[in-house]
Amino acid sequence: MSISEDRISHLAHCIYDRLWKDDLADFADERRALHCLKEGITSFFAVAGEVDAAVRRKLASYSQAKVPGSRDYEILYQKFYQEEMAKRKW
């Protein structure tokens, strides 16, 4: 899954602001905190993309092909996606 640097930056700033406003965290260095948030968001979307690709390959290998968008496909996709994320401990 591809996400732009601007969107990652926006998400990091939103998370940072919410943590600070709700008094859940105090950051000594704003730039470092934002950098760590951006790395976490980037790695999450990288893993999510890998998991998505693995799940789609798994569904494509079924002898009875499931039509993307169908109810069966969506149920199996969610099941396999959760299993893959659990394997990767996300």
PDB file of N, CA and C in Angstrom:
ATOM      1  N   MET A   1       0.849  -1.160   0.000  1.00  0.00           N
ATOM      2  CA  MET A   1       0.000   0.000   0.000  1.00  0.00           C
ATOM      3  C   MET A   1       0.898   1.228   0.000  1.00  0.00           C
ATOM      4  N   SER A   2       0.641   2.130  -0.892  1.00  0.00           N
ATOM      5  CA  SER A   2       1.460   3.319  -1.019  1.00  0.00           C
ATOM      6  C   SER A   2       0.730   4.525  -0.434  1.00  0.00           C
ATOM      7  N   ILE A   3       1.449   5.301   0.339  1.00  0.00           N
ATOM      8  CA  ILE A   3       0.886   6.509   0.946  1.00  0.00           C
ATOM      9  C   ILE A   3       1.936   7.606   0.817  1.00  0.00           C
ATOM     10  N   SER A   4       1.491   8.800   0.490  1.00  0.00           N
ATOM     11  CA  SER A   4       2.428   9.888   0.227  1.00  0.00           C
ATOM     12  C   SER A   4       3.094  10.387   1.506  1.00  0.00           C
ATOM     13  N   GLU A   5       4.246  10.995   1.339  1.00  0.00           N
ATOM     14  CA  GLU A   5       4.988  11.563   2.460  1.00  0.00           C
ATOM     15  C   GLU A   5       4.179  12.670   3.142  1.00  0.00           C
ATOM     16  N   ASP A   6       3.438  13.432   2.361  1.00  0.00           N
ATOM     17  CA  ASP A   6       2.603  14.491   2.935  1.00  0.00           C
ATOM     18  C   ASP A   6       1.517  13.913   3.834  1.00  0.00           C
ATOM     19  N   ARG A   7       0.907  12.829   3.397  1.00  0.00           N
ATOM     20  CA  ARG A   7      -0.149  12.213   4.193  1.00  0.00           C
ATOM     21  C   ARG A   7       0.435  11.608   5.475  1.00  0.00           C
ATOM     22  N   ILE A   8       1.604  10.997   5.366  1.00  0.00           N
ATOM     23  CA  ILE A   8       2.273  10.445   6.547  1.00  0.00           C
ATOM     24  C   ILE A   8       2.594  11.563   7.527  1.00  0.00           C
ATOM     25  N   SER A   9       3.098  12.659   7.023  1.00  0.00           N
ATOM     26  CA  SER A   9       3.417  13.801   7.868  1.00  0.00           C
ATOM     27  C   SER A   9       2.163  14.340   8.550  1.00  0.00           C
ATOM     28  N   HIS A  10       1.079  14.444   7.794  1.00  0.00           N
ATOM     29  CA  HIS A  10      -0.179  14.929   8.363  1.00  0.00           C
ATOM     30  C   HIS A  10      -0.662  14.007   9.484  1.00  0.00           C
ATOM     31  N   LEU A  11      -0.623  12.696   9.248  1.00  0.00           N
ATOM     32  CA  LEU A  11      -1.038  11.735  10.271  1.00  0.00           C
ATOM     33  C   LEU A  11      -0.156  11.841  11.525  1.00  0.00           C
ATOM     34  N   ALA A  12       1.149  11.974  11.314  1.00  0.00           N
ATOM     35  CA  ALA A  12       2.073  12.085  12.448  1.00  0.00           C
ATOM     36  C   ALA A  12       1.765  13.334  13.267  1.00  0.00           C
ATOM     37  N   HIS A  13       1.511  14.444  12.589  1.00  0.00           N
ATOM     38  CA  HIS A  13       1.183  15.679  13.304  1.00  0.00           C
ATOM     39  C   HIS A  13      -0.150  15.549  14.055  1.00  0.00           C
ATOM     40  N   CYS A  14      -1.132  14.905  13.447  1.00  0.00           N
ATOM     41  CA  CYS A  14      -2.427  14.701  14.116  1.00  0.00           C
ATOM     42  C   CYS A  14      -2.268  13.854  15.380  1.00  0.00           C
ATOM     43  N   ILE A  15      -1.499  12.779  15.280  1.00  0.00           N
ATOM     44  CA  ILE A  15      -1.255  11.911  16.429  1.00  0.00           C
ATOM     45  C   ILE A  15      -0.507  12.672  17.516  1.00  0.00           C
ATOM     46  N   TYR A  16       0.534  13.390  17.108  1.00  0.00           N
ATOM     47  CA  TYR A  16       1.333  14.178  18.050  1.00  0.00           C
ATOM     48  C   TYR A  16       0.455  15.192  18.783  1.00  0.00           C
ATOM     49  N   ASP A  17      -0.336  15.942  18.028  1.00  0.00           N
ATOM     50  CA  ASP A  17      -1.206  16.958  18.623  1.00  0.00           C
ATOM     51  C   ASP A  17      -2.213  16.343  19.591  1.00  0.00           C
ATOM     52  N   ARG A  18      -2.815  15.209  19.207  1.00  0.00           N
ATOM     53  CA  ARG A  18      -3.816  14.563  20.062  1.00  0.00           C
ATOM     54  C   ARG A  18      -3.181  14.061  21.358  1.00  0.00           C
ATOM     55  N   LEU A  19      -2.001  13.461  21.252  1.00  0.00           N
ATOM     56  CA  LEU A  19      -1.320  12.978  22.455  1.00  0.00           C
ATOM     57  C   LEU A  19      -0.990  14.134  23.391  1.00  0.00           C
ATOM     58  N   TRP A  20      -0.549  15.242  22.830  1.00  0.00           N
ATOM     59  CA  TRP A  20      -0.180  16.403  23.638  1.00  0.00           C
ATOM     60  C   TRP A  20      -1.420  17.074  24.233  1.00  0.00           C
ATOM     61  N   LYS A  21      -2.462  17.282  23.420  1.00  0.00           N
ATOM     62  CA  LYS A  21      -3.676  17.959  23.894  1.00  0.00           C
ATOM     63  C   LYS A  21      -4.404  17.150  24.961  1.00  0.00           C
ATOM     64  N   ASP A  22      -4.422  15.827  24.821  1.00  0.00           N
ATOM     65  CA  ASP A  22      -5.092  14.971  25.803  1.00  0.00           C
ATOM     66  C   ASP A  22      -4.195  14.678  27.003  1.00  0.00           C
ATOM     67  N   ASP A  23      -3.020  15.292  27.019  1.00  0.00           N
ATOM     68  CA  ASP A  23      -2.058  15.148  28.113  1.00  0.00           C
ATOM     69  C   ASP A  23      -1.691  13.687  28.353  1.00  0.00           C
ATOM     70  N   LEU A  24      -1.554  12.944  27.260  1.00  0.00           N
ATOM     71  CA  LEU A  24      -1.162  11.540  27.353  1.00  0.00           C
ATOM     72  C   LEU A  24       0.351  11.361  27.263  1.00  0.00           C
ATOM     73  N   ALA A  25       1.021  12.386  26.709  1.00  0.00           N
ATOM     74  CA  ALA A  25       2.471  12.302  26.574  1.00  0.00           C
ATOM     75  C   ALA A  25       3.057  13.699  26.505  1.00  0.00           C
ATOM     76  N   ASP A  26       4.251  13.831  27.045  1.00  0.00           N
ATOM     77  CA  ASP A  26       5.034  15.058  26.906  1.00  0.00           C
ATOM     78  C   ASP A  26       6.285  14.696  26.118  1.00  0.00           C
ATOM     79  N   PHE A  27       6.606  15.524  25.160  1.00  0.00           N
ATOM     80  CA  PHE A  27       7.750  15.251  24.298  1.00  0.00           C
ATOM     81  C   PHE A  27       8.828  16.296  24.542  1.00  0.00           C
ATOM     82  N   ALA A  28      10.030  15.825  24.828  1.00  0.00           N
ATOM     83  CA  ALA A  28      11.147  16.745  25.039  1.00  0.00           C
ATOM     84  C   ALA A  28      11.608  17.353  23.715  1.00  0.00           C
ATOM     85  N   ASP A  29      11.538  16.564  22.660  1.00  0.00           N
ATOM     86  CA  ASP A  29      12.008  17.011  21.355  1.00  0.00           C
ATOM     87  C   ASP A  29      10.916  16.735  20.326  1.00  0.00           C
ATOM     88  N   GLU A  30      10.261  17.790  19.861  1.00  0.00           N
ATOM     89  CA  GLU A  30       9.140  17.635  18.925  1.00  0.00           C
ATOM     90  C   GLU A  30       9.581  17.002  17.609  1.00  0.00           C
ATOM     91  N   ARG A  31      10.723  17.445  17.082  1.00  0.00           N
ATOM     92  CA  ARG A  31      11.197  16.904  15.800  1.00  0.00           C
ATOM     93  C   ARG A  31      11.468  15.408  15.888  1.00  0.00           C
ATOM     94  N   ARG A  32      12.079  14.981  16.992  1.00  0.00           N
ATOM     95  CA  ARG A  32      12.392  13.556  17.151  1.00  0.00           C
ATOM     96  C   ARG A  32      11.103  12.741  17.304  1.00  0.00           C
ATOM     97  N   ALA A  33      10.163  13.278  18.070  1.00  0.00           N
ATOM     98  CA  ALA A  33       8.888  12.577  18.256  1.00  0.00           C
ATOM     99  C   ALA A  33       8.160  12.421  16.927  1.00  0.00           C
ATOM    100  N   LEU A  34       8.127  13.482  16.138  1.00  0.00           N
ATOM    101  CA  LEU A  34       7.472  13.413  14.831  1.00  0.00           C
ATOM    102  C   LEU A  34       8.190  12.431  13.914  1.00  0.00           C
ATOM    103  N   HIS A  35       9.506  12.415  13.973  1.00  0.00           N
ATOM    104  CA  HIS A  35      10.281  11.479  13.151  1.00  0.00           C
ATOM    105  C   HIS A  35       9.940  10.030  13.527  1.00  0.00           C
ATOM    106  N   CYS A  36       9.868   9.744  14.826  1.00  0.00           N
ATOM    107  CA  CYS A  36       9.519   8.390  15.281  1.00  0.00           C
ATOM    108  C   CYS A  36       8.102   8.010  14.865  1.00  0.00           C
ATOM    109  N   LEU A  37       7.177   8.948  14.960  1.00  0.00           N
ATOM    110  CA  LEU A  37       5.804   8.681  14.525  1.00  0.00           C
ATOM    111  C   LEU A  37       5.753   8.386  13.031  1.00  0.00           C
ATOM    112  N   LYS A  38       6.489   9.166  12.254  1.00  0.00           N
ATOM    113  CA  LYS A  38       6.508   8.953  10.800  1.00  0.00           C
ATOM    114  C   LYS A  38       7.083   7.583  10.457  1.00  0.00           C
ATOM    115  N   GLU A  39       8.140   7.174  11.158  1.00  0.00           N
ATOM    116  CA  GLU A  39       8.717   5.849  10.907  1.00  0.00           C
ATOM    117  C   GLU A  39       7.725   4.746  11.238  1.00  0.00           C
ATOM    118  N   GLY A  40       7.009   4.904  12.348  1.00  0.00           N
ATOM    119  CA  GLY A  40       6.016   3.905  12.744  1.00  0.00           C
ATOM    120  C   GLY A  40       4.883   3.795  11.736  1.00  0.00           C
ATOM    121  N   ILE A  41       4.402   4.941  11.263  1.00  0.00           N
ATOM    122  CA  ILE A  41       3.321   4.950  10.276  1.00  0.00           C
ATOM    123  C   ILE A  41       3.794   4.317   8.972  1.00  0.00           C
ATOM    124  N   THR A  42       4.996   4.668   8.553  1.00  0.00           N
ATOM    125  CA  THR A  42       5.555   4.120   7.317  1.00  0.00           C
ATOM    126  C   THR A  42       5.702   2.604   7.412  1.00  0.00           C
ATOM    127  N   SER A  43       6.221   2.121   8.541  1.00  0.00           N
ATOM    128  CA  SER A  43       6.403   0.670   8.672  1.00  0.00           C
ATOM    129  C   SER A  43       5.059  -0.046   8.747  1.00  0.00           C
ATOM    130  N   PHE A  44       4.060   0.567   9.381  1.00  0.00           N
ATOM    131  CA  PHE A  44       2.741  -0.052   9.429  1.00  0.00           C
ATOM    132  C   PHE A  44       2.180  -0.225   8.025  1.00  0.00           C
ATOM    133  N   PHE A  45       2.245   0.824   7.204  1.00  0.00           N
ATOM    134  CA  PHE A  45       1.688   0.730   5.864  1.00  0.00           C
ATOM    135  C   PHE A  45       2.499  -0.215   4.980  1.00  0.00           C
ATOM    136  N   ALA A  46       3.794  -0.342   5.237  1.00  0.00           N
ATOM    137  CA  ALA A  46       4.601  -1.305   4.482  1.00  0.00           C
ATOM    138  C   ALA A  46       4.150  -2.727   4.806  1.00  0.00           C
ATOM    139  N   VAL A  47       3.963  -3.018   6.085  1.00  0.00           N
ATOM    140  CA  VAL A  47       3.507  -4.343   6.501  1.00  0.00           C
ATOM    141  C   VAL A  47       2.094  -4.601   5.978  1.00  0.00           C
ATOM    142  N   ALA A  48       1.226  -3.598   6.077  1.00  0.00           N
ATOM    143  CA  ALA A  48      -0.150  -3.759   5.592  1.00  0.00           C
ATOM    144  C   ALA A  48      -0.159  -4.084   4.097  1.00  0.00           C
ATOM    145  N   GLY A  49       0.723  -3.468   3.334  1.00  0.00           N
ATOM    146  CA  GLY A  49       0.819  -3.755   1.904  1.00  0.00           C
ATOM    147  C   GLY A  49       1.290  -5.175   1.633  1.00  0.00           C
ATOM    148  N   GLU A  50       2.280  -5.628   2.413  1.00  0.00           N
ATOM    149  CA  GLU A  50       2.779  -6.994   2.264  1.00  0.00           C
ATOM    150  C   GLU A  50       1.697  -8.011   2.624  1.00  0.00           C
ATOM    151  N   VAL A  51       0.977  -7.733   3.686  1.00  0.00           N
ATOM    152  CA  VAL A  51      -0.091  -8.636   4.124  1.00  0.00           C
ATOM    153  C   VAL A  51      -1.191  -8.682   3.076  1.00  0.00           C
ATOM    154  N   ASP A  52      -1.563  -7.528   2.543  1.00  0.00           N
ATOM    155  CA  ASP A  52      -2.595  -7.467   1.509  1.00  0.00           C
ATOM    156  C   ASP A  52      -2.193  -8.315   0.301  1.00  0.00           C
ATOM    157  N   ALA A  53      -0.947  -8.180  -0.125  1.00  0.00           N
ATOM    158  CA  ALA A  53      -0.472  -8.952  -1.272  1.00  0.00           C
ATOM    159  C   ALA A  53      -0.494 -10.456  -0.975  1.00  0.00           C
ATOM    160  N   ALA A  54      -0.077 -10.836   0.229  1.00  0.00           N
ATOM    161  CA  ALA A  54      -0.070 -12.259   0.604  1.00  0.00           C
ATOM    162  C   ALA A  54      -1.488 -12.819   0.636  1.00  0.00           C
ATOM    163  N   VAL A  55      -2.416 -12.051   1.168  1.00  0.00           N
ATOM    164  CA  VAL A  55      -3.807 -12.503   1.246  1.00  0.00           C
ATOM    165  C   VAL A  55      -4.405 -12.645  -0.146  1.00  0.00           C
ATOM    166  N   ARG A  56      -4.131 -11.690  -1.019  1.00  0.00           N
ATOM    167  CA  ARG A  56      -4.660 -11.767  -2.390  1.00  0.00           C
ATOM    168  C   ARG A  56      -4.089 -12.964  -3.139  1.00  0.00           C
ATOM    169  N   ARG A  57      -2.788 -13.256  -2.914  1.00  0.00           N
ATOM    170  CA  ARG A  57      -2.187 -14.454  -3.536  1.00  0.00           C
ATOM    171  C   ARG A  57      -2.860 -15.722  -3.017  1.00  0.00           C
ATOM    172  N   LYS A  58      -3.098 -15.754  -1.726  1.00  0.00           N
ATOM    173  CA  LYS A  58      -3.741 -16.917  -1.114  1.00  0.00           C
ATOM    174  C   LYS A  58      -5.142 -17.121  -1.680  1.00  0.00           C
ATOM    175  N   LEU A  59      -5.900 -16.040  -1.816  1.00  0.00           N
ATOM    176  CA  LEU A  59      -7.250 -16.144  -2.366  1.00  0.00           C
ATOM    177  C   LEU A  59      -7.224 -16.539  -3.839  1.00  0.00           C
ATOM    178  N   ALA A  60      -6.237 -16.080  -4.580  1.00  0.00           N
ATOM    179  CA  ALA A  60      -6.129 -16.411  -6.000  1.00  0.00           C
ATOM    180  C   ALA A  60      -5.771 -17.882  -6.207  1.00  0.00           C
ATOM    181  N   SER A  61      -5.131 -18.492  -5.201  1.00  0.00           N
ATOM    182  CA  SER A  61      -4.718 -19.885  -5.348  1.00  0.00           C
ATOM    183  C   SER A  61      -5.838 -20.879  -5.042  1.00  0.00           C
ATOM    184  N   TYR A  62      -6.964 -20.408  -4.587  1.00  0.00           N
ATOM    185  CA  TYR A  62      -8.093 -21.297  -4.309  1.00  0.00           C
ATOM    186  C   TYR A  62      -8.575 -21.960  -5.589  1.00  0.00           C
ATOM    187  N   SER A  63      -8.942 -23.244  -5.478  1.00  0.00           N
ATOM    188  CA  SER A  63      -9.425 -23.970  -6.661  1.00  0.00           C
ATOM    189  C   SER A  63     -10.764 -23.397  -7.132  1.00  0.00           C
ATOM    190  N   GLN A  64     -11.613 -22.992  -6.194  1.00  0.00           N
ATOM    191  CA  GLN A  64     -12.849 -22.318  -6.562  1.00  0.00           C
ATOM    192  C   GLN A  64     -12.600 -20.823  -6.417  1.00  0.00           C
ATOM    193  N   ALA A  65     -12.373 -20.190  -7.532  1.00  0.00           N
ATOM    194  CA  ALA A  65     -12.026 -18.775  -7.513  1.00  0.00           C
ATOM    195  C   ALA A  65     -13.144 -17.945  -6.894  1.00  0.00           C
ATOM    196  N   LYS A  66     -12.754 -17.074  -6.002  1.00  0.00           N
ATOM    197  CA  LYS A  66     -13.700 -16.159  -5.383  1.00  0.00           C
ATOM    198  C   LYS A  66     -13.637 -14.836  -6.140  1.00  0.00           C
ATOM    199  N   VAL A  67     -14.772 -14.255  -6.384  1.00  0.00           N
ATOM    200  CA  VAL A  67     -14.846 -12.999  -7.126  1.00  0.00           C
ATOM    201  C   VAL A  67     -14.582 -11.842  -6.171  1.00  0.00           C
ATOM    202  N   PRO A  68     -13.560 -11.025  -6.460  1.00  0.00           N
ATOM    203  CA  PRO A  68     -13.304  -9.870  -5.600  1.00  0.00           C
ATOM    204  C   PRO A  68     -14.552  -8.995  -5.472  1.00  0.00           C
ATOM    205  N   GLY A  69     -14.858  -8.636  -4.231  1.00  0.00           N
ATOM    206  CA  GLY A  69     -16.047  -7.834  -3.977  1.00  0.00           C
ATOM    207  C   GLY A  69     -17.243  -8.658  -3.533  1.00  0.00           C
ATOM    208  N   SER A  70     -17.187  -9.973  -3.771  1.00  0.00           N
ATOM    209  CA  SER A  70     -18.301 -10.823  -3.345  1.00  0.00           C
ATOM    210  C   SER A  70     -18.252 -11.005  -1.829  1.00  0.00           C
ATOM    211  N   ARG A  71     -19.354 -11.435  -1.274  1.00  0.00           N
ATOM    212  CA  ARG A  71     -19.433 -11.618   0.174  1.00  0.00           C
ATOM    213  C   ARG A  71     -18.430 -12.660   0.655  1.00  0.00           C
ATOM    214  N   ASP A  72     -18.335 -13.797  -0.067  1.00  0.00           N
ATOM    215  CA  ASP A  72     -17.382 -14.853   0.302  1.00  0.00           C
ATOM    216  C   ASP A  72     -15.945 -14.340   0.269  1.00  0.00           C
ATOM    217  N   TYR A  73     -15.632 -13.591  -0.780  1.00  0.00           N
ATOM    218  CA  TYR A  73     -14.282 -13.040  -0.930  1.00  0.00           C
ATOM    219  C   TYR A  73     -13.958 -12.121   0.248  1.00  0.00           C
ATOM    220  N   GLU A  74     -14.874 -11.239   0.589  1.00  0.00           N
ATOM    221  CA  GLU A  74     -14.633 -10.282   1.668  1.00  0.00           C
ATOM    222  C   GLU A  74     -14.475 -10.969   3.013  1.00  0.00           C
ATOM    223  N   ILE A  75     -15.282 -11.993   3.263  1.00  0.00           N
ATOM    224  CA  ILE A  75     -15.184 -12.729   4.529  1.00  0.00           C
ATOM    225  C   ILE A  75     -13.831 -13.429   4.625  1.00  0.00           C
ATOM    226  N   LEU A  76     -13.452 -14.123   3.553  1.00  0.00           N
ATOM    227  CA  LEU A  76     -12.162 -14.812   3.555  1.00  0.00           C
ATOM    228  C   LEU A  76     -11.005 -13.823   3.613  1.00  0.00           C
ATOM    229  N   TYR A  77     -11.136 -12.711   2.898  1.00  0.00           N
ATOM    230  CA  TYR A  77     -10.077 -11.699   2.908  1.00  0.00           C
ATOM    231  C   TYR A  77      -9.848 -11.201   4.338  1.00  0.00           C
ATOM    232  N   GLN A  78     -10.912 -10.839   5.040  1.00  0.00           N
ATOM    233  CA  GLN A  78     -10.779 -10.340   6.416  1.00  0.00           C
ATOM    234  C   GLN A  78     -10.177 -11.405   7.339  1.00  0.00           C
ATOM    235  N   LYS A  79     -10.603 -12.645   7.173  1.00  0.00           N
ATOM    236  CA  LYS A  79     -10.088 -13.742   7.997  1.00  0.00           C
ATOM    237  C   LYS A  79      -8.594 -13.920   7.767  1.00  0.00           C
ATOM    238  N   PHE A  80      -8.200 -14.027   6.499  1.00  0.00           N
ATOM    239  CA  PHE A  80      -6.788 -14.235   6.180  1.00  0.00           C
ATOM    240  C   PHE A  80      -5.944 -13.018   6.543  1.00  0.00           C
ATOM    241  N   TYR A  81      -6.497 -11.829   6.375  1.00  0.00           N
ATOM    242  CA  TYR A  81      -5.770 -10.599   6.717  1.00  0.00           C
ATOM    243  C   TYR A  81      -5.465 -10.578   8.215  1.00  0.00           C
ATOM    244  N   GLN A  82      -6.452 -10.891   9.028  1.00  0.00           N
ATOM    245  CA  GLN A  82      -6.244 -10.920  10.476  1.00  0.00           C
ATOM    246  C   GLN A  82      -5.236 -11.992  10.876  1.00  0.00           C
ATOM    247  N   GLU A  83      -5.288 -13.142  10.207  1.00  0.00           N
ATOM    248  CA  GLU A  83      -4.328 -14.208  10.494  1.00  0.00           C
ATOM    249  C   GLU A  83      -2.905 -13.773  10.151  1.00  0.00           C
ATOM    250  N   GLU A  84      -2.740 -13.141   8.993  1.00  0.00           N
ATOM    251  CA  GLU A  84      -1.409 -12.682   8.576  1.00  0.00           C
ATOM    252  C   GLU A  84      -0.874 -11.595   9.513  1.00  0.00           C
ATOM    253  N   MET A  85      -1.743 -10.695   9.917  1.00  0.00           N
ATOM    254  CA  MET A  85      -1.317  -9.630  10.837  1.00  0.00           C
ATOM    255  C   MET A  85      -0.923 -10.231  12.189  1.00  0.00           C
ATOM    256  N   ALA A  86      -1.641 -11.250  12.638  1.00  0.00           N
ATOM    257  CA  ALA A  86      -1.307 -11.917  13.896  1.00  0.00           C
ATOM    258  C   ALA A  86       0.037 -12.623  13.787  1.00  0.00           C
ATOM    259  N   LYS A  87       0.315 -13.233  12.626  1.00  0.00           N
ATOM    260  CA  LYS A  87       1.615 -13.889  12.415  1.00  0.00           C
ATOM    261  C   LYS A  87       2.743 -12.889  12.528  1.00  0.00           C
ATOM    262  N   ARG A  88       2.498 -11.696  12.028  1.00  0.00           N
ATOM    263  CA  ARG A  88       3.532 -10.652  12.046  1.00  0.00           C
ATOM    264  C   ARG A  88       3.490  -9.822  13.319  1.00  0.00           C
ATOM    265  N   LYS A  89       2.574 -10.181  14.218  1.00  0.00           N
ATOM    266  CA  LYS A  89       2.413  -9.523  15.521  1.00  0.00           C
ATOM    267  C   LYS A  89       2.080  -8.046  15.396  1.00  0.00           C
ATOM    268  N   TRP A  90       1.168  -7.723  14.479  1.00  0.00           N
ATOM    269  CA  TRP A  90       0.700  -6.332  14.325  1.00  0.00           C
ATOM    270  C   TRP A  90      -0.669  -6.268  14.845  1.00  0.00           C
TER     271      TRP A  90
END
